[in-house]
Amino acid sequence: MRFKGTTLRKIRDFFEWLIDIRPSHETIREWINEIGRKYKKNRTKTSGSGIYSYDEQYLYIGGKKHYRLCLKDVVTGKTVNERIV
């Protein structure tokens, strides 16, 4: 749901209509700030730089040819995903 351009008092009225509570506009501001902090914290943990490199290696496992496919974040050096097929 999006409240672009909506005042905090209108959001309060929406809460009253939806779930029959009437928090103050300052409480709603705190809720929004808290959600924003949690989102930012989680986002920085899981998001990458956006610059990735791909590598493949040829392997022989049990006499059969396999491929190791690897996707790596160039900036952080972390492996995003790898798979042997």
N, C-alpha and C. Protein backbone atom coordinates (compact mmCIF):
# COMPACT_ATOMS: atom_id res chain seq x y z
N MET A 1 0.85 -1.16 0.00
CA MET A 1 0.00 0.00 0.00
C MET A 1 0.90 1.23 0.00
N ARG A 2 0.46 2.26 -0.68
CA ARG A 2 1.28 3.45 -0.82
C ARG A 2 0.50 4.68 -0.39
N PHE A 3 1.16 5.56 0.35
CA PHE A 3 0.52 6.78 0.85
C PHE A 3 1.29 8.00 0.37
N LYS A 4 1.69 8.04 -0.87
CA LYS A 4 2.47 9.17 -1.37
C LYS A 4 1.65 10.45 -1.28
N GLY A 5 2.22 11.44 -0.63
CA GLY A 5 1.56 12.73 -0.51
C GLY A 5 0.46 12.78 0.54
N THR A 6 0.31 11.74 1.32
CA THR A 6 -0.74 11.69 2.34
C THR A 6 -0.18 12.17 3.67
N THR A 7 -0.98 12.90 4.41
CA THR A 7 -0.55 13.39 5.71
C THR A 7 -0.62 12.26 6.74
N LEU A 8 0.13 12.43 7.82
CA LEU A 8 0.11 11.44 8.89
C LEU A 8 -1.26 11.38 9.55
N ARG A 9 -1.95 12.48 9.60
CA ARG A 9 -3.29 12.49 10.21
C ARG A 9 -4.29 11.72 9.35
N LYS A 10 -4.12 11.77 8.04
CA LYS A 10 -5.00 10.98 7.15
C LYS A 10 -4.71 9.49 7.31
N ILE A 11 -3.43 9.16 7.52
CA ILE A 11 -3.08 7.76 7.76
C ILE A 11 -3.71 7.30 9.08
N ARG A 12 -3.69 8.18 10.10
CA ARG A 12 -4.33 7.88 11.38
C ARG A 12 -5.81 7.59 11.17
N ASP A 13 -6.49 8.39 10.38
CA ASP A 13 -7.91 8.16 10.09
C ASP A 13 -8.12 6.83 9.37
N PHE A 14 -7.16 6.48 8.49
CA PHE A 14 -7.25 5.19 7.81
C PHE A 14 -7.15 4.04 8.80
N PHE A 15 -6.21 4.14 9.76
CA PHE A 15 -6.10 3.11 10.80
C PHE A 15 -7.39 3.01 11.60
N GLU A 16 -7.97 4.13 11.90
CA GLU A 16 -9.22 4.12 12.66
C GLU A 16 -10.32 3.41 11.86
N TRP A 17 -10.38 3.66 10.57
CA TRP A 17 -11.39 3.02 9.73
C TRP A 17 -11.10 1.53 9.57
N LEU A 18 -9.81 1.19 9.42
CA LEU A 18 -9.43 -0.19 9.11
C LEU A 18 -9.48 -1.10 10.33
N ILE A 19 -8.84 -0.71 11.44
CA ILE A 19 -8.74 -1.61 12.59
C ILE A 19 -9.18 -0.97 13.90
N ASP A 20 -9.87 0.14 13.79
CA ASP A 20 -10.50 0.79 14.94
C ASP A 20 -9.51 1.19 16.04
N ILE A 21 -8.33 1.69 15.61
CA ILE A 21 -7.40 2.30 16.56
C ILE A 21 -7.11 3.71 16.05
N ARG A 22 -6.71 4.59 16.95
CA ARG A 22 -6.44 5.97 16.57
C ARG A 22 -5.11 6.42 17.19
N PRO A 23 -3.98 5.98 16.60
CA PRO A 23 -2.69 6.40 17.12
C PRO A 23 -2.43 7.86 16.76
N SER A 24 -1.59 8.52 17.53
CA SER A 24 -1.26 9.91 17.22
C SER A 24 -0.41 9.96 15.95
N HIS A 25 -0.38 11.11 15.33
CA HIS A 25 0.42 11.24 14.10
C HIS A 25 1.91 11.08 14.40
N GLU A 26 2.35 11.42 15.62
CA GLU A 26 3.75 11.22 15.99
C GLU A 26 4.08 9.74 16.15
N THR A 27 3.13 8.96 16.66
CA THR A 27 3.34 7.51 16.76
C THR A 27 3.49 6.90 15.37
N ILE A 28 2.67 7.36 14.44
CA ILE A 28 2.77 6.85 13.07
C ILE A 28 4.12 7.22 12.46
N ARG A 29 4.59 8.44 12.73
CA ARG A 29 5.91 8.86 12.24
C ARG A 29 7.00 7.93 12.79
N GLU A 30 6.92 7.58 14.07
CA GLU A 30 7.89 6.67 14.67
C GLU A 30 7.82 5.29 14.04
N TRP A 31 6.59 4.80 13.77
CA TRP A 31 6.43 3.51 13.11
C TRP A 31 7.12 3.51 11.74
N ILE A 32 6.90 4.57 10.99
CA ILE A 32 7.50 4.67 9.65
C ILE A 32 9.02 4.71 9.75
N ASN A 33 9.55 5.49 10.68
CA ASN A 33 11.01 5.57 10.86
C ASN A 33 11.59 4.23 11.27
N GLU A 34 10.90 3.52 12.16
CA GLU A 34 11.38 2.21 12.62
C GLU A 34 11.39 1.21 11.47
N ILE A 35 10.34 1.19 10.69
CA ILE A 35 10.28 0.29 9.53
C ILE A 35 11.39 0.63 8.55
N GLY A 36 11.64 1.92 8.34
CA GLY A 36 12.71 2.35 7.44
C GLY A 36 14.08 1.90 7.92
N ARG A 37 14.33 2.02 9.22
CA ARG A 37 15.62 1.57 9.77
C ARG A 37 15.80 0.07 9.61
N LYS A 38 14.74 -0.70 9.88
CA LYS A 38 14.83 -2.16 9.73
C LYS A 38 15.06 -2.54 8.28
N TYR A 39 14.36 -1.86 7.36
CA TYR A 39 14.52 -2.16 5.94
C TYR A 39 15.95 -1.85 5.49
N LYS A 40 16.46 -0.70 5.89
CA LYS A 40 17.81 -0.31 5.49
C LYS A 40 18.84 -1.27 6.05
N LYS A 41 18.66 -1.69 7.30
CA LYS A 41 19.59 -2.62 7.93
C LYS A 41 19.60 -3.96 7.19
N ASN A 42 18.43 -4.49 6.87
CA ASN A 42 18.34 -5.76 6.16
C ASN A 42 18.82 -5.64 4.72
N ARG A 43 18.55 -4.51 4.12
CA ARG A 43 18.92 -4.32 2.73
C ARG A 43 20.43 -4.30 2.55
N THR A 44 21.15 -3.64 3.44
CA THR A 44 22.60 -3.57 3.31
C THR A 44 23.24 -4.92 3.57
N LYS A 45 22.61 -5.77 4.35
CA LYS A 45 23.17 -7.09 4.61
C LYS A 45 23.08 -7.98 3.39
N THR A 46 21.99 -7.89 2.65
CA THR A 46 21.75 -8.86 1.59
C THR A 46 22.01 -8.33 0.19
N SER A 47 22.10 -7.03 0.01
CA SER A 47 22.25 -6.52 -1.34
C SER A 47 23.72 -6.50 -1.73
N GLY A 48 23.97 -6.67 -3.01
CA GLY A 48 25.33 -6.63 -3.51
C GLY A 48 25.61 -5.30 -4.16
N SER A 49 26.76 -5.22 -4.79
CA SER A 49 27.16 -3.97 -5.42
C SER A 49 26.47 -3.77 -6.76
N GLY A 50 26.01 -4.86 -7.37
CA GLY A 50 25.40 -4.77 -8.69
C GLY A 50 26.38 -5.06 -9.81
N ILE A 51 27.65 -5.27 -9.46
CA ILE A 51 28.67 -5.60 -10.47
C ILE A 51 29.11 -7.03 -10.20
N TYR A 52 28.82 -7.92 -11.13
CA TYR A 52 29.07 -9.34 -10.92
C TYR A 52 29.95 -9.90 -12.03
N SER A 53 30.66 -10.95 -11.68
CA SER A 53 31.44 -11.67 -12.68
C SER A 53 31.00 -13.14 -12.66
N TYR A 54 31.17 -13.78 -13.79
CA TYR A 54 30.77 -15.17 -13.96
C TYR A 54 32.01 -15.98 -14.29
N ASP A 55 32.10 -17.17 -13.70
CA ASP A 55 33.23 -18.04 -13.98
C ASP A 55 32.73 -19.47 -14.08
N GLU A 56 33.37 -20.22 -14.92
CA GLU A 56 33.04 -21.65 -15.00
C GLU A 56 34.34 -22.44 -15.00
N GLN A 57 34.26 -23.59 -14.35
CA GLN A 57 35.41 -24.49 -14.31
C GLN A 57 34.94 -25.86 -14.76
N TYR A 58 35.83 -26.56 -15.44
CA TYR A 58 35.52 -27.91 -15.89
C TYR A 58 36.09 -28.90 -14.89
N LEU A 59 35.24 -29.78 -14.41
CA LEU A 59 35.64 -30.75 -13.40
C LEU A 59 35.37 -32.16 -13.91
N TYR A 60 36.15 -33.11 -13.40
CA TYR A 60 35.86 -34.52 -13.64
C TYR A 60 35.58 -35.15 -12.29
N ILE A 61 34.35 -35.59 -12.11
CA ILE A 61 33.94 -36.24 -10.87
C ILE A 61 33.50 -37.64 -11.22
N GLY A 62 34.22 -38.61 -10.68
CA GLY A 62 33.90 -40.01 -10.97
C GLY A 62 34.05 -40.35 -12.45
N GLY A 63 35.00 -39.69 -13.12
CA GLY A 63 35.24 -39.94 -14.53
C GLY A 63 34.27 -39.23 -15.46
N LYS A 64 33.30 -38.49 -14.92
CA LYS A 64 32.34 -37.76 -15.75
C LYS A 64 32.65 -36.27 -15.71
N LYS A 65 32.41 -35.63 -16.86
CA LYS A 65 32.67 -34.20 -16.96
C LYS A 65 31.53 -33.40 -16.33
N HIS A 66 31.88 -32.47 -15.44
CA HIS A 66 30.92 -31.57 -14.80
C HIS A 66 31.42 -30.14 -14.95
N TYR A 67 30.53 -29.21 -14.66
CA TYR A 67 30.88 -27.80 -14.71
C TYR A 67 30.58 -27.16 -13.36
N ARG A 68 31.49 -26.35 -12.89
CA ARG A 68 31.25 -25.55 -11.68
C ARG A 68 30.98 -24.13 -12.16
N LEU A 69 29.75 -23.67 -11.95
CA LEU A 69 29.34 -22.33 -12.35
C LEU A 69 29.34 -21.45 -11.11
N CYS A 70 29.95 -20.28 -11.20
CA CYS A 70 30.10 -19.40 -10.05
C CYS A 70 29.76 -17.96 -10.44
N LEU A 71 28.91 -17.33 -9.63
CA LEU A 71 28.57 -15.92 -9.78
C LEU A 71 29.14 -15.19 -8.58
N LYS A 72 29.99 -14.19 -8.83
CA LYS A 72 30.71 -13.53 -7.75
C LYS A 72 30.52 -12.02 -7.84
N ASP A 73 30.38 -11.36 -6.68
CA ASP A 73 30.30 -9.91 -6.61
C ASP A 73 31.72 -9.36 -6.75
N VAL A 74 31.95 -8.52 -7.74
CA VAL A 74 33.29 -8.03 -8.03
C VAL A 74 33.79 -7.10 -6.92
N VAL A 75 32.92 -6.23 -6.40
CA VAL A 75 33.34 -5.24 -5.42
C VAL A 75 33.64 -5.86 -4.07
N THR A 76 32.71 -6.69 -3.56
CA THR A 76 32.90 -7.27 -2.23
C THR A 76 33.71 -8.56 -2.25
N GLY A 77 33.80 -9.21 -3.41
CA GLY A 77 34.53 -10.46 -3.51
C GLY A 77 33.77 -11.67 -2.99
N LYS A 78 32.50 -11.47 -2.63
CA LYS A 78 31.69 -12.57 -2.09
C LYS A 78 31.07 -13.39 -3.22
N THR A 79 30.98 -14.68 -2.98
CA THR A 79 30.31 -15.56 -3.93
C THR A 79 28.81 -15.43 -3.73
N VAL A 80 28.09 -15.08 -4.80
CA VAL A 80 26.66 -14.92 -4.73
C VAL A 80 25.98 -16.28 -4.83
N ASN A 81 26.43 -17.09 -5.78
CA ASN A 81 25.86 -18.42 -5.96
C ASN A 81 26.83 -19.27 -6.76
N GLU A 82 26.84 -20.56 -6.47
CA GLU A 82 27.63 -21.48 -7.26
C GLU A 82 26.92 -22.82 -7.36
N ARG A 83 27.17 -23.50 -8.45
CA ARG A 83 26.48 -24.75 -8.68
C ARG A 83 27.36 -25.66 -9.54
N ILE A 84 27.29 -26.93 -9.24
CA ILE A 84 27.98 -27.93 -10.06
C ILE A 84 26.91 -28.66 -10.86
N VAL A 85 27.08 -28.62 -12.19
CA VAL A 85 26.10 -29.28 -13.07
C VAL A 85 26.81 -30.19 -14.04
